[in-house]
C-alpha atoms as a PDB file:
ATOM      1  CA  UNK A   1     -84.308 184.848 129.431  1.00  0.00           C
ATOM      2  CA  UNK A   2     -85.213 188.354 128.370  1.00  0.00           C
ATOM      3  CA  UNK A   3     -83.727 190.503 125.620  1.00  0.00           C
ATOM      4  CA  UNK A   4     -81.735 192.485 128.230  1.00  0.00           C
ATOM      5  CA  UNK A   5     -80.312 189.471 130.047  1.00  0.00           C
ATOM      6  CA  UNK A   6     -76.597 189.951 130.582  1.00  0.00           C
ATOM      7  CA  UNK A   7     -76.736 193.716 129.994  1.00  0.00           C
ATOM      8  CA  UNK A   8     -75.904 196.278 132.669  1.00  0.00           C
ATOM      9  CA  UNK A   9     -76.457 200.000 132.728  1.00  0.00           C
ATOM     10  CA  UNK A  10     -77.444 203.181 134.496  1.00  0.00           C
ATOM     11  CA  UNK A  11     -80.946 204.572 134.823  1.00  0.00           C
ATOM     12  CA  UNK A  12     -80.823 208.273 135.676  1.00  0.00           C
ATOM     13  CA  UNK A  13     -84.021 209.995 136.705  1.00  0.00           C
ATOM     14  CA  UNK A  14     -86.227 207.690 138.771  1.00  0.00           C
ATOM     15  CA  UNK A  15     -88.129 210.182 140.931  1.00  0.00           C
ATOM     16  CA  UNK A  16     -91.168 208.186 142.028  1.00  0.00           C
ATOM     17  CA  UNK A  17     -93.366 205.348 140.796  1.00  0.00           C
ATOM     18  CA  UNK A  18     -95.002 207.588 138.174  1.00  0.00           C
ATOM     19  CA  UNK A  19     -91.873 208.839 136.415  1.00  0.00           C
ATOM     20  CA  UNK A  20     -90.901 207.789 132.887  1.00  0.00           C
ATOM     21  CA  UNK A  21     -87.626 206.434 134.236  1.00  0.00           C
ATOM     22  CA  UNK A  22     -89.542 204.207 136.662  1.00  0.00           C
ATOM     23  CA  UNK A  23     -91.583 202.638 133.873  1.00  0.00           C
ATOM     24  CA  UNK A  24     -88.460 202.171 131.757  1.00  0.00           C
ATOM     25  CA  UNK A  25     -86.649 200.496 134.634  1.00  0.00           C
ATOM     26  CA  UNK A  26     -89.604 198.208 135.289  1.00  0.00           C
ATOM     27  CA  UNK A  27     -89.648 197.096 131.641  1.00  0.00           C
ATOM     28  CA  UNK A  28     -85.879 196.606 131.675  1.00  0.00           C
ATOM     29  CA  UNK A  29     -86.134 194.490 134.817  1.00  0.00           C
ATOM     30  CA  UNK A  30     -88.805 192.316 133.206  1.00  0.00           C
ATOM     31  CA  UNK A  31     -86.372 191.637 130.348  1.00  0.00           C
ATOM     32  CA  UNK A  32     -83.489 190.639 132.622  1.00  0.00           C
ATOM     33  CA  UNK A  33     -81.413 193.831 132.739  1.00  0.00           C
ATOM     34  CA  UNK A  34     -79.052 194.640 135.573  1.00  0.00           C
ATOM     35  CA  UNK A  35     -79.674 198.240 136.627  1.00  0.00           C
ATOM     36  CA  UNK A  36     -77.882 200.856 138.673  1.00  0.00           C
ATOM     37  CA  UNK A  37     -79.593 204.021 139.836  1.00  0.00           C
ATOM     38  CA  UNK A  38     -78.827 207.538 141.034  1.00  0.00           C
ATOM     39  CA  UNK A  39     -80.679 210.122 143.066  1.00  0.00           C
ATOM     40  CA  UNK A  40     -80.363 213.847 143.654  1.00  0.00           C
ATOM     41  CA  UNK A  41     -78.049 214.608 146.610  1.00  0.00           C
ATOM     42  CA  UNK A  42     -79.647 214.493 150.039  1.00  0.00           C
ATOM     43  CA  UNK A  43     -81.185 211.906 152.337  1.00  0.00           C
ATOM     44  CA  UNK A  44     -84.742 212.964 151.460  1.00  0.00           C
ATOM     45  CA  UNK A  45     -84.162 212.306 147.746  1.00  0.00           C
ATOM     46  CA  UNK A  46     -82.429 209.016 148.501  1.00  0.00           C
ATOM     47  CA  UNK A  47     -85.454 207.843 150.497  1.00  0.00           C
ATOM     48  CA  UNK A  48     -87.855 208.940 147.753  1.00  0.00           C
ATOM     49  CA  UNK A  49     -85.987 207.007 145.053  1.00  0.00           C
ATOM     50  CA  UNK A  50     -85.579 203.973 147.312  1.00  0.00           C
ATOM     51  CA  UNK A  51     -89.349 203.893 147.881  1.00  0.00           C
ATOM     52  CA  UNK A  52     -89.871 204.007 144.103  1.00  0.00           C
ATOM     53  CA  UNK A  53     -87.438 201.126 143.623  1.00  0.00           C
ATOM     54  CA  UNK A  54     -89.176 199.138 146.376  1.00  0.00           C
ATOM     55  CA  UNK A  55     -92.472 199.621 144.519  1.00  0.00           C
ATOM     56  CA  UNK A  56     -90.840 198.131 141.426  1.00  0.00           C
ATOM     57  CA  UNK A  57     -90.405 194.823 143.280  1.00  0.00           C
ATOM     58  CA  UNK A  58     -86.973 194.116 141.808  1.00  0.00           C
ATOM     59  CA  UNK A  59     -85.309 190.765 142.346  1.00  0.00           C
ATOM     60  CA  UNK A  60     -82.354 192.668 143.785  1.00  0.00           C
ATOM     61  CA  UNK A  61     -83.766 194.043 147.041  1.00  0.00           C
ATOM     62  CA  UNK A  62     -80.724 196.243 147.597  1.00  0.00           C
ATOM     63  CA  UNK A  63     -80.080 197.862 144.179  1.00  0.00           C
ATOM     64  CA  UNK A  64     -76.992 199.952 143.469  1.00  0.00           C
ATOM     65  CA  UNK A  65     -77.930 203.561 144.259  1.00  0.00           C
ATOM     66  CA  UNK A  66     -75.652 206.607 144.419  1.00  0.00           C
ATOM     67  CA  UNK A  67     -76.141 210.377 144.777  1.00  0.00           C
ATOM     68  CA  UNK A  68     -75.494 212.407 141.637  1.00  0.00           C
ATOM     69  CA  UNK A  69     -75.527 216.114 140.909  1.00  0.00           C
ATOM     70  CA  UNK A  70     -75.943 216.060 137.122  1.00  0.00           C
ATOM     71  CA  UNK A  71     -74.371 219.510 136.788  1.00  0.00           C
ATOM     72  CA  UNK A  72     -71.134 218.347 138.429  1.00  0.00           C
ATOM     73  CA  UNK A  73     -68.961 216.777 135.726  1.00  0.00           C
ATOM     74  CA  UNK A  74     -66.384 215.401 138.157  1.00  0.00           C
ATOM     75  CA  UNK A  75     -69.154 213.638 140.066  1.00  0.00           C
ATOM     76  CA  UNK A  76     -70.623 212.259 136.838  1.00  0.00           C
ATOM     77  CA  UNK A  77     -67.265 210.758 135.862  1.00  0.00           C
ATOM     78  CA  UNK A  78     -66.830 209.267 139.337  1.00  0.00           C
ATOM     79  CA  UNK A  79     -70.302 207.729 139.521  1.00  0.00           C
ATOM     80  CA  UNK A  80     -70.074 206.295 136.000  1.00  0.00           C
ATOM     81  CA  UNK A  81     -66.690 204.730 136.750  1.00  0.00           C
ATOM     82  CA  UNK A  82     -68.092 203.167 139.927  1.00  0.00           C
ATOM     83  CA  UNK A  83     -71.117 201.871 138.020  1.00  0.00           C
ATOM     84  CA  UNK A  84     -68.930 200.320 135.328  1.00  0.00           C
ATOM     85  CA  UNK A  85     -66.825 198.605 137.974  1.00  0.00           C
ATOM     86  CA  UNK A  86     -69.963 197.266 139.666  1.00  0.00           C
ATOM     87  CA  UNK A  87     -71.143 195.988 136.285  1.00  0.00           C
ATOM     88  CA  UNK A  88     -67.952 194.035 135.702  1.00  0.00           C
ATOM     89  CA  UNK A  89     -66.116 196.660 133.674  1.00  0.00           C
ATOM     90  CA  UNK A  90     -68.657 197.567 130.971  1.00  0.00           C
ATOM     91  CA  UNK A  91     -71.811 199.650 130.679  1.00  0.00           C
ATOM     92  CA  UNK A  92     -74.210 198.413 128.014  1.00  0.00           C
ATOM     93  CA  UNK A  93     -76.768 201.206 128.237  1.00  0.00           C
ATOM     94  CA  UNK A  94     -77.639 204.571 129.755  1.00  0.00           C
ATOM     95  CA  UNK A  95     -81.087 206.028 130.354  1.00  0.00           C
ATOM     96  CA  UNK A  96     -81.111 209.836 130.686  1.00  0.00           C
ATOM     97  CA  UNK A  97     -84.496 210.890 132.023  1.00  0.00           C
ATOM     98  CA  UNK A  98     -83.898 214.185 133.802  1.00  0.00           C
ATOM     99  CA  UNK A  99     -85.075 217.713 133.096  1.00  0.00           C
ATOM    100  CA  UNK A 100     -85.648 220.930 134.985  1.00  0.00           C
ATOM    101  CA  UNK A 101     -87.055 224.389 134.384  1.00  0.00           C
ATOM    102  CA  UNK A 102     -88.195 227.012 136.867  1.00  0.00           C
ATOM    103  CA  UNK A 103     -91.913 226.304 137.062  1.00  0.00           C
ATOM    104  CA  UNK A 104     -92.848 229.987 137.398  1.00  0.00           C
ATOM    105  CA  UNK A 105     -92.027 230.257 133.685  1.00  0.00           C
ATOM    106  CA  UNK A 106     -93.998 227.138 132.747  1.00  0.00           C
ATOM    107  CA  UNK A 107     -97.289 228.967 132.503  1.00  0.00           C
ATOM    108  CA  UNK A 108     -99.300 229.946 129.454  1.00  0.00           C
ATOM    109  CA  UNK A 109     -98.218 233.408 128.299  1.00  0.00           C
ATOM    110  CA  UNK A 110     -95.004 233.490 130.337  1.00  0.00           C
ATOM    111  CA  UNK A 111     -92.350 232.416 127.816  1.00  0.00           C
ATOM    112  CA  UNK A 112     -91.226 235.972 127.041  1.00  0.00           C
ATOM    113  CA  UNK A 113     -90.673 236.553 130.754  1.00  0.00           C
ATOM    114  CA  UNK A 114     -88.091 233.753 130.970  1.00  0.00           C
ATOM    115  CA  UNK A 115     -84.915 235.117 132.536  1.00  0.00           C
ATOM    116  CA  UNK A 116     -81.437 234.410 131.205  1.00  0.00           C
ATOM    117  CA  UNK A 117     -80.695 232.400 134.336  1.00  0.00           C
ATOM    118  CA  UNK A 118     -83.839 230.258 133.982  1.00  0.00           C
ATOM    119  CA  UNK A 119     -83.227 229.760 130.245  1.00  0.00           C
ATOM    120  CA  UNK A 120     -79.638 228.601 130.682  1.00  0.00           C
ATOM    121  CA  UNK A 121     -80.514 226.423 133.673  1.00  0.00           C
ATOM    122  CA  UNK A 122     -83.185 224.594 131.662  1.00  0.00           C
ATOM    123  CA  UNK A 123     -80.717 223.985 128.827  1.00  0.00           C
ATOM    124  CA  UNK A 124     -77.974 222.811 131.164  1.00  0.00           C
ATOM    125  CA  UNK A 125     -80.006 220.350 133.216  1.00  0.00           C
ATOM    126  CA  UNK A 126     -82.343 219.107 130.484  1.00  0.00           C
ATOM    127  CA  UNK A 127     -79.960 218.922 127.506  1.00  0.00           C
ATOM    128  CA  UNK A 128     -76.288 219.526 128.287  1.00  0.00           C
ATOM    129  CA  UNK A 129     -76.323 216.715 130.838  1.00  0.00           C
ATOM    130  CA  UNK A 130     -76.991 214.244 128.004  1.00  0.00           C
ATOM    131  CA  UNK A 131     -73.736 215.378 126.420  1.00  0.00           C
ATOM    132  CA  UNK A 132     -71.754 215.230 129.657  1.00  0.00           C
ATOM    133  CA  UNK A 133     -73.151 211.820 130.633  1.00  0.00           C
ATOM    134  CA  UNK A 134     -72.556 210.390 127.159  1.00  0.00           C
ATOM    135  CA  UNK A 135     -68.977 211.600 127.346  1.00  0.00           C
ATOM    136  CA  UNK A 136     -68.580 209.894 130.734  1.00  0.00           C
ATOM    137  CA  UNK A 137     -70.217 206.668 129.501  1.00  0.00           C
ATOM    138  CA  UNK A 138     -68.226 206.392 126.273  1.00  0.00           C
ATOM    139  CA  UNK A 139     -65.012 204.856 127.662  1.00  0.00           C
ATOM    140  CA  UNK A 140     -67.041 202.281 129.602  1.00  0.00           C
ATOM    141  CA  UNK A 141     -69.129 201.110 126.649  1.00  0.00           C
ATOM    142  CA  UNK A 142     -66.165 199.523 124.872  1.00  0.00           C
ATOM    143  CA  UNK A 143     -67.401 198.876 121.371  1.00  0.00           C
ATOM    144  CA  UNK A 144     -71.157 198.685 121.855  1.00  0.00           C
ATOM    145  CA  UNK A 145     -73.888 200.402 123.803  1.00  0.00           C
ATOM    146  CA  UNK A 146     -77.152 202.293 123.684  1.00  0.00           C
ATOM    147  CA  UNK A 147     -78.045 205.678 125.160  1.00  0.00           C
ATOM    148  CA  UNK A 148     -81.624 206.862 125.506  1.00  0.00           C
ATOM    149  CA  UNK A 149     -83.074 210.251 126.482  1.00  0.00           C
ATOM    150  CA  UNK A 150     -86.643 211.450 126.978  1.00  0.00           C
ATOM    151  CA  UNK A 151     -88.399 214.314 125.185  1.00  0.00           C
ATOM    152  CA  UNK A 152     -91.877 215.633 124.395  1.00  0.00           C
ATOM    153  CA  UNK A 153     -93.742 217.013 121.364  1.00  0.00           C
ATOM    154  CA  UNK A 154     -93.239 220.564 122.682  1.00  0.00           C
ATOM    155  CA  UNK A 155     -89.685 220.319 121.331  1.00  0.00           C
ATOM    156  CA  UNK A 156     -91.047 220.321 117.766  1.00  0.00           C
ATOM    157  CA  UNK A 157     -94.275 222.331 117.965  1.00  0.00           C
ATOM    158  CA  UNK A 158     -95.426 225.127 120.233  1.00  0.00           C
ATOM    159  CA  UNK A 159     -97.283 223.802 123.265  1.00  0.00           C
ATOM    160  CA  UNK A 160     -98.508 226.780 125.313  1.00  0.00           C
ATOM    161  CA  UNK A 161     -97.206 226.490 128.857  1.00  0.00           C
ATOM    162  CA  UNK A 162     -94.322 224.163 127.966  1.00  0.00           C
ATOM    163  CA  UNK A 163     -92.308 227.258 127.102  1.00  0.00           C
ATOM    164  CA  UNK A 164     -88.586 227.152 127.936  1.00  0.00           C
ATOM    165  CA  UNK A 165     -88.765 223.397 128.483  1.00  0.00           C
ATOM    166  CA  UNK A 166     -89.730 223.046 124.819  1.00  0.00           C
ATOM    167  CA  UNK A 167     -86.589 224.958 123.856  1.00  0.00           C
ATOM    168  CA  UNK A 168     -84.524 222.741 126.155  1.00  0.00           C
ATOM    169  CA  UNK A 169     -86.024 219.549 124.721  1.00  0.00           C
ATOM    170  CA  UNK A 170     -85.365 220.773 121.160  1.00  0.00           C
ATOM    171  CA  UNK A 171     -81.743 221.200 122.232  1.00  0.00           C
ATOM    172  CA  UNK A 172     -81.789 217.703 123.706  1.00  0.00           C
ATOM    173  CA  UNK A 173     -83.035 216.174 120.446  1.00  0.00           C
ATOM    174  CA  UNK A 174     -80.383 217.985 118.392  1.00  0.00           C
ATOM    175  CA  UNK A 175     -77.745 216.910 120.901  1.00  0.00           C
ATOM    176  CA  UNK A 176     -78.854 213.298 120.394  1.00  0.00           C
ATOM    177  CA  UNK A 177     -78.277 213.548 116.641  1.00  0.00           C
ATOM    178  CA  UNK A 178     -74.782 214.982 116.948  1.00  0.00           C
ATOM    179  CA  UNK A 179     -73.848 212.433 119.600  1.00  0.00           C
ATOM    180  CA  UNK A 180     -75.166 209.645 117.369  1.00  0.00           C
ATOM    181  CA  UNK A 181     -72.766 210.732 114.632  1.00  0.00           C
ATOM    182  CA  UNK A 182     -69.697 210.934 116.853  1.00  0.00           C
ATOM    183  CA  UNK A 183     -70.389 207.797 118.898  1.00  0.00           C
ATOM    184  CA  UNK A 184     -71.666 205.589 116.083  1.00  0.00           C
ATOM    185  CA  UNK A 185     -68.210 204.452 114.962  1.00  0.00           C
ATOM    186  CA  UNK A 186     -67.672 203.270 118.556  1.00  0.00           C
ATOM    187  CA  UNK A 187     -70.734 201.061 118.199  1.00  0.00           C
ATOM    188  CA  UNK A 188     -72.780 203.274 120.510  1.00  0.00           C
ATOM    189  CA  UNK A 189     -76.306 204.305 119.524  1.00  0.00           C
ATOM    190  CA  UNK A 190     -78.085 207.413 120.840  1.00  0.00           C
ATOM    191  CA  UNK A 191     -81.844 207.881 120.566  1.00  0.00           C
ATOM    192  CA  UNK A 192     -84.720 209.829 122.085  1.00  0.00           C
ATOM    193  CA  UNK A 193     -88.246 208.767 122.968  1.00  0.00           C
ATOM    194  CA  UNK A 194     -90.780 211.560 122.715  1.00  0.00           C
ATOM    195  CA  UNK A 195     -93.468 210.351 125.072  1.00  0.00           C
ATOM    196  CA  UNK A 196     -97.024 211.563 125.245  1.00  0.00           C
ATOM    197  CA  UNK A 197     -98.158 213.469 128.331  1.00  0.00           C
ATOM    198  CA  UNK A 198     -98.067 211.362 131.477  1.00  0.00           C
ATOM    199  CA  UNK A 199     -98.917 212.432 135.022  1.00  0.00           C
ATOM    200  CA  UNK A 200     -95.309 212.624 136.167  1.00  0.00           C
ATOM    201  CA  UNK A 201     -94.035 214.880 138.934  1.00  0.00           C
ATOM    202  CA  UNK A 202     -92.391 217.254 136.444  1.00  0.00           C
ATOM    203  CA  UNK A 203     -95.352 217.314 134.052  1.00  0.00           C
ATOM    204  CA  UNK A 204     -97.730 218.496 136.747  1.00  0.00           C
ATOM    205  CA  UNK A 205     -95.746 221.742 136.938  1.00  0.00           C
ATOM    206  CA  UNK A 206     -96.539 222.651 133.309  1.00  0.00           C
ATOM    207  CA  UNK A 207     -99.352 225.139 132.809  1.00  0.00           C
ATOM    208  CA  UNK A 208    -102.349 223.686 130.962  1.00  0.00           C
ATOM    209  CA  UNK A 209    -101.216 220.079 131.513  1.00  0.00           C
ATOM    210  CA  UNK A 210    -104.774 218.852 131.960  1.00  0.00           C
ATOM    211  CA  UNK A 211    -105.677 220.312 128.554  1.00  0.00           C
ATOM    212  CA  UNK A 212    -102.770 218.413 126.980  1.00  0.00           C
ATOM    213  CA  UNK A 213    -104.186 215.140 128.287  1.00  0.00           C
ATOM    214  CA  UNK A 214    -107.657 215.985 127.022  1.00  0.00           C
ATOM    215  CA  UNK A 215    -106.383 216.936 123.544  1.00  0.00           C
ATOM    216  CA  UNK A 216    -104.425 213.712 123.116  1.00  0.00           C
ATOM    217  CA  UNK A 217    -107.390 211.610 124.187  1.00  0.00           C
ATOM    218  CA  UNK A 218    -109.650 213.507 121.794  1.00  0.00           C
ATOM    219  CA  UNK A 219    -107.459 213.868 118.709  1.00  0.00           C
ATOM    220  CA  UNK A 220    -104.893 211.073 118.656  1.00  0.00           C
ATOM    221  CA  UNK A 221    -105.449 208.150 116.264  1.00  0.00           C
ATOM    222  CA  UNK A 222    -105.679 205.739 119.204  1.00  0.00           C
ATOM    223  CA  UNK A 223    -108.149 207.998 120.973  1.00  0.00           C
ATOM    224  CA  UNK A 224    -106.436 207.759 124.330  1.00  0.00           C
ATOM    225  CA  UNK A 225    -103.424 208.805 126.349  1.00  0.00           C
ATOM    226  CA  UNK A 226    -100.414 206.539 126.627  1.00  0.00           C
ATOM    227  CA  UNK A 227     -99.549 204.221 129.476  1.00  0.00           C
ATOM    228  CA  UNK A 228     -96.162 204.442 131.140  1.00  0.00           C
ATOM    229  CA  UNK A 229     -95.518 200.786 130.339  1.00  0.00           C
ATOM    230  CA  UNK A 230     -95.766 201.581 126.617  1.00  0.00           C
ATOM    231  CA  UNK A 231     -92.854 203.992 126.914  1.00  0.00           C
ATOM    232  CA  UNK A 232     -90.971 201.437 129.000  1.00  0.00           C
ATOM    233  CA  UNK A 233     -91.398 198.724 126.396  1.00  0.00           C
ATOM    234  CA  UNK A 234     -90.327 201.041 123.560  1.00  0.00           C
ATOM    235  CA  UNK A 235     -87.229 201.848 125.597  1.00  0.00           C
ATOM    236  CA  UNK A 236     -86.380 198.148 125.847  1.00  0.00           C
ATOM    237  CA  UNK A 237     -86.489 197.915 122.052  1.00  0.00           C
ATOM    238  CA  UNK A 238     -84.063 200.820 121.642  1.00  0.00           C
ATOM    239  CA  UNK A 239     -81.729 199.741 124.448  1.00  0.00           C
ATOM    240  CA  UNK A 240     -81.578 196.074 123.465  1.00  0.00           C
ATOM    241  CA  UNK A 241     -80.104 194.298 120.456  1.00  0.00           C
ATOM    242  CA  UNK A 242     -83.539 194.481 118.837  1.00  0.00           C
ATOM    243  CA  UNK A 243     -82.761 198.093 117.909  1.00  0.00           C
ATOM    244  CA  UNK A 244     -79.186 197.808 116.660  1.00  0.00           C
ATOM    245  CA  UNK A 245     -79.936 199.596 113.371  1.00  0.00           C
ATOM    246  CA  UNK A 246     -81.555 202.632 114.983  1.00  0.00           C
ATOM    247  CA  UNK A 247     -79.609 205.721 116.062  1.00  0.00           C
ATOM    248  CA  UNK A 248     -80.000 209.482 116.097  1.00  0.00           C
ATOM    249  CA  UNK A 249     -83.783 209.167 116.068  1.00  0.00           C
ATOM    250  CA  UNK A 250     -86.638 210.713 117.991  1.00  0.00           C
ATOM    251  CA  UNK A 251     -89.265 208.001 118.344  1.00  0.00           C
ATOM    252  CA  UNK A 252     -92.784 209.146 119.217  1.00  0.00           C
ATOM    253  CA  UNK A 253     -94.723 207.053 121.715  1.00  0.00           C
ATOM    254  CA  UNK A 254     -97.786 209.269 121.984  1.00  0.00           C
ATOM    255  CA  UNK A 255    -100.833 207.375 120.692  1.00  0.00           C
ATOM    256  CA  UNK A 256    -100.063 208.901 117.289  1.00  0.00           C
ATOM    257  CA  UNK A 257    -100.913 212.468 118.331  1.00  0.00           C
ATOM    258  CA  UNK A 258     -97.801 213.897 116.653  1.00  0.00           C
ATOM    259  CA  UNK A 259     -98.936 212.867 113.143  1.00  0.00           C
ATOM    260  CA  UNK A 260    -102.096 214.935 113.290  1.00  0.00           C
ATOM    261  CA  UNK A 261    -102.374 218.244 111.452  1.00  0.00           C
ATOM    262  CA  UNK A 262    -105.728 219.226 112.897  1.00  0.00           C
END
């Protein structure tokens, strides 16, 4: 019996077996959670996510998996309703682990060149979707639930190369706080994990990413970079009943790098 036994929810954002969402799902599975997954539309994306789920070695060899365009609110509502039905009528948790920014603007010295279109797209996909998914999840959480999103230190401090994604993640963190206020009386908690740099598919598109890894290993109190499993285990705490008094927070899982002044 794990701390997530009997709980069902959606994990949005598994891209491959190196993504934050993958590590979170693996930790959830180890604690007995029932999980449902989505993938970007298209057969190629479906195969990629299915391979990642196969690598997770889940007890359920045919997990619930549906296509989802996160910018399509009608599709979000439909997928969430289907997931709730598959879960027996209630969603206990939601993991939001998606983000996007045009990588040509994720280079050191390119923030001022960000176009209006690229700026708004980053905000929509990386932050607004938390709002739209929380709105879709709310009627299916029925008195209790936990929502979790993923961020990075570049939302709080300037990280050269992170650029417009830092602005989008700052928006995501503020969105979490306002959602926590409005959903708290429904018994639903909303939190963010700010994870240290990890060699995910999206991270590799950020200019100077290798330097980020080196700086964390050199300057963080733990003297190393994080492991994906550490983020996954922190997620279990926030999504389970172990974290029932925590909402509206950004929790750093970054080897302590964020506390350092110099």
